[in-house]
Amino acid sequence: MEQLRQIVGALQIADVAAQVALNLRTDFADFHDFKPGDHQHKTLTTALDQLVTWSTALDTLRPASSSAAA
């Protein structure tokens, strides 16, 4: 994964560094029902914060859509 991030960075593609790693044994009850650990909330919040930061920063580079111009 880290090698891919280096390649993406070299291509100047925005990436989100934080990641939420789920474990089938610890984050799913009976390997079926999703029961994430308490630590996952903080990790997910960090990842989403980074995503919002990038999307806000890149918003100025997006062309205006025809509906926004009207």
C-alpha atoms as a PDB file:
ATOM      1  CA  MET A   1       0.000   0.000   0.000  1.00  0.00           C
ATOM      2  CA  GLU A   2       2.785   2.431   0.861  1.00  0.00           C
ATOM      3  CA  GLN A   3       4.446   1.866  -2.526  1.00  0.00           C
ATOM      4  CA  LEU A   4       1.191   2.702  -4.253  1.00  0.00           C
ATOM      5  CA  ARG A   5       0.924   5.926  -2.239  1.00  0.00           C
ATOM      6  CA  GLN A   6       4.402   6.937  -3.409  1.00  0.00           C
ATOM      7  CA  ILE A   7       3.412   6.333  -7.024  1.00  0.00           C
ATOM      8  CA  VAL A   8       0.160   8.249  -6.588  1.00  0.00           C
ATOM      9  CA  GLY A   9       2.088  11.125  -5.009  1.00  0.00           C
ATOM     10  CA  ALA A  10       4.567  11.173  -7.877  1.00  0.00           C
ATOM     11  CA  LEU A  11       1.640  11.447 -10.286  1.00  0.00           C
ATOM     12  CA  GLN A  12       0.316  14.358  -8.199  1.00  0.00           C
ATOM     13  CA  ILE A  13      -2.909  12.562  -7.363  1.00  0.00           C
ATOM     14  CA  ALA A  14      -4.469  13.597  -4.063  1.00  0.00           C
ATOM     15  CA  ASP A  15      -4.689  10.734  -1.600  1.00  0.00           C
ATOM     16  CA  VAL A  16      -6.007  10.254   1.901  1.00  0.00           C
ATOM     17  CA  ALA A  17      -3.278   8.896   4.163  1.00  0.00           C
ATOM     18  CA  ALA A  18      -5.507   7.657   6.985  1.00  0.00           C
ATOM     19  CA  GLN A  19      -7.093   4.269   6.504  1.00  0.00           C
ATOM     20  CA  VAL A  20      -9.615   2.195   8.381  1.00  0.00           C
ATOM     21  CA  ALA A  21      -8.409  -1.384   8.704  1.00  0.00           C
ATOM     22  CA  LEU A  22     -11.136  -3.861   9.547  1.00  0.00           C
ATOM     23  CA  ASN A  23     -10.471  -7.338  10.888  1.00  0.00           C
ATOM     24  CA  LEU A  24     -12.945 -10.117  10.211  1.00  0.00           C
ATOM     25  CA  ARG A  25     -12.331 -11.673  13.623  1.00  0.00           C
ATOM     26  CA  THR A  26     -12.493  -8.555  15.789  1.00  0.00           C
ATOM     27  CA  ASP A  27     -14.798  -6.195  13.886  1.00  0.00           C
ATOM     28  CA  PHE A  28     -17.523  -8.674  12.930  1.00  0.00           C
ATOM     29  CA  ALA A  29     -19.620 -10.742  15.331  1.00  0.00           C
ATOM     30  CA  ASP A  30     -19.942 -14.341  14.117  1.00  0.00           C
ATOM     31  CA  PHE A  31     -18.033 -13.265  10.980  1.00  0.00           C
ATOM     32  CA  HIS A  32     -21.228 -11.622   9.750  1.00  0.00           C
ATOM     33  CA  ASP A  33     -22.581  -8.736  11.857  1.00  0.00           C
ATOM     34  CA  PHE A  34     -20.543  -5.551  11.698  1.00  0.00           C
ATOM     35  CA  LYS A  35     -19.397  -4.607  15.219  1.00  0.00           C
ATOM     36  CA  PRO A  36     -16.411  -2.249  14.857  1.00  0.00           C
ATOM     37  CA  GLY A  37     -14.218  -1.522  17.854  1.00  0.00           C
ATOM     38  CA  ASP A  38     -14.292   1.864  19.567  1.00  0.00           C
ATOM     39  CA  HIS A  39     -10.919   2.748  18.036  1.00  0.00           C
ATOM     40  CA  GLN A  40     -12.421   2.551  14.537  1.00  0.00           C
ATOM     41  CA  HIS A  41     -14.525   5.682  15.107  1.00  0.00           C
ATOM     42  CA  LYS A  42     -11.439   7.862  15.599  1.00  0.00           C
ATOM     43  CA  THR A  43      -9.703   6.350  12.575  1.00  0.00           C
ATOM     44  CA  LEU A  44     -12.768   6.805  10.376  1.00  0.00           C
ATOM     45  CA  THR A  45     -13.174  10.401  11.554  1.00  0.00           C
ATOM     46  CA  THR A  46      -9.540  11.133  10.665  1.00  0.00           C
ATOM     47  CA  ALA A  47      -9.922   9.588   7.202  1.00  0.00           C
ATOM     48  CA  LEU A  48     -13.124  11.514   6.500  1.00  0.00           C
ATOM     49  CA  ASP A  49     -11.583  14.771   7.756  1.00  0.00           C
ATOM     50  CA  GLN A  50      -8.693  14.295   5.331  1.00  0.00           C
ATOM     51  CA  LEU A  51     -11.112  13.513   2.509  1.00  0.00           C
ATOM     52  CA  VAL A  52     -13.159  16.649   3.204  1.00  0.00           C
ATOM     53  CA  THR A  53      -9.977  18.740   3.352  1.00  0.00           C
ATOM     54  CA  TRP A  54      -8.842  17.471  -0.051  1.00  0.00           C
ATOM     55  CA  SER A  55     -12.275  17.828  -1.650  1.00  0.00           C
ATOM     56  CA  THR A  56     -12.610  21.390  -0.341  1.00  0.00           C
ATOM     57  CA  ALA A  57      -9.136  22.338  -1.551  1.00  0.00           C
ATOM     58  CA  LEU A  58      -9.710  20.826  -4.993  1.00  0.00           C
ATOM     59  CA  ASP A  59     -13.174  22.353  -5.374  1.00  0.00           C
ATOM     60  CA  THR A  60     -11.654  25.553  -6.750  1.00  0.00           C
ATOM     61  CA  LEU A  61     -10.031  23.552  -9.562  1.00  0.00           C
ATOM     62  CA  ARG A  62     -13.256  21.958 -10.785  1.00  0.00           C
ATOM     63  CA  PRO A  63     -14.970  23.594 -13.735  1.00  0.00           C
ATOM     64  CA  ALA A  64     -18.311  25.177 -12.958  1.00  0.00           C
ATOM     65  CA  SER A  65     -21.192  22.951 -14.037  1.00  0.00           C
ATOM     66  CA  SER A  66     -23.933  24.306 -16.259  1.00  0.00           C
ATOM     67  CA  SER A  67     -26.454  24.092 -13.402  1.00  0.00           C
ATOM     68  CA  ALA A  68     -24.207  26.125 -11.091  1.00  0.00           C
ATOM     69  CA  ALA A  69     -23.704  28.818 -13.734  1.00  0.00           C
ATOM     70  CA  ALA A  70     -27.446  29.269 -14.335  1.00  0.00           C
END
